[in-house]
């Protein structure tokens, strides 16, 4: 209790609260602008966060994440142009409500559902993360190797529409992670005589390039398109946009169902909030029946989608903190930032540094509360931000990326890594290869390699240790089953009966 109270007192300091408010506002703005996703916001913040005290860095990154997911719903509802991929499902009914003069009601429902989903997943995080970490303390290198193998499989097979492309992305992430000195014997690998690569590829330039530079290149290729603005909040009828008791009753169960779906998806590495939102949309469409208004402006659909994608965000912290396995691309970025700050997520974190765990709990809770306050007060002002042309925004993003990549080590090579990663991610986007498996695999490969080599050292080089251990054997079998099931499902989708 003393540790919790100390962490709480630290988060209530004026400068910490100011950092939280600024991060929530920036997160909502970036999330609301189509093209500037939550991943970009968090990635751009990492070069700044690593020079801050750990508490401030956690506040900045977690607040950006929490507010950015909701921010995407603003442009989804008003413009039918989701600010984040996770808000694409919200746009289906949310924009229809806006066209009917109910934009303010749709935004309020999205805000309420986002807060509910976040709080629901935070409660699960506080309840189950310590239990999972306590169980994981029993893991040796063999069990950890099996668990991480299953993570690679999930990330590669279900992160995109094609299993082959997902596995290719994951394999490339593994390959990039092996650049540098061998962790066991110190022999250089794939450095080609360049001493700057002895420590491996720097994390920040890679992630900034994968997300931010790739988006800049995409926008440039499209001619920096401008969004249309056909919804004006000031002209709407206030009485029609007021939330009533019947509205609250109608959206209560969809929010609960959406939060459950989102939390379950968040526990699975690499799936992400976009899929959870569409799963919640499919669930509400099925349960509402054929006579419902789902698809033409139903408040239940907006509530279900927003609660689901926000619940996924909180739930992804469960495997991230308890096992050191990122739940999605954003938590992979945050996990990498924590490592750069000297904090190693995993089961030992709950034993050696519980203050960090409590800080994350408190930050997620307070940032959700702050998101509601800012969302209620500043939504009208946020609409004006959407009118800023991408032609002015994207050069600023590119310059920020270059500066953030260079300042980490003051090494020009990192700038080239950023550019190379950006071009690669841009090409991946054109051919339909997902980027998230690459980043998650890049983060997970070092502990996987360490676990495998420790296991082989213990077994004197025999791989039989992985099939004689019941946990790793189950993980191997589950990995094979997932590959087969996903391959069959995709084959049926390609070849109709």
Foldseek 3Di string as FASTA:
>chain_A
DVLLVVLVVVCPDPVNVVLLLVLLVVLLLQLQAALRALLLLLLLCLLVLLVDAPLSSLLNLLLSNLNSLLSQLLCLQQFVRGSYLLNNLLNLQSVLCLVVLQNLLLSLLLLVLLLLLLVLLLVVLVVCLLVLLVVCVPDALLLLLLVVLLLLLLQQQQQFLHSVLSNVLLVLLLVQLQAAADPPPGHGDPCVPPPVRNVGFDQSLLSNQLRQLLSLVVCVVVVQDATDGDGDNVPGDPVVNDDDPVNCVLQVVLSVVLSVLLLVLLQRANHASSVSLVVSLVVCDVVVDPPDCRSNHDSNSSSSSSSNRSNSVSNQVSCCQAAVAGRWQSSLSVQVSCVSSVHHGHSCCCVPPVSSVSSSSVSSNVSSVSSSVCSVVCSNVSSVSSRDGSVVVSVVSVVSSQVSQCVVPVDVVSSVSSNVSNVVSNVCVVVGRDNTSSSSSNSSNVSSVVSVVVQCVVVVNDPCVQCVDVSSVVSVVVSVVSVVVSVVVSVCVVDPD
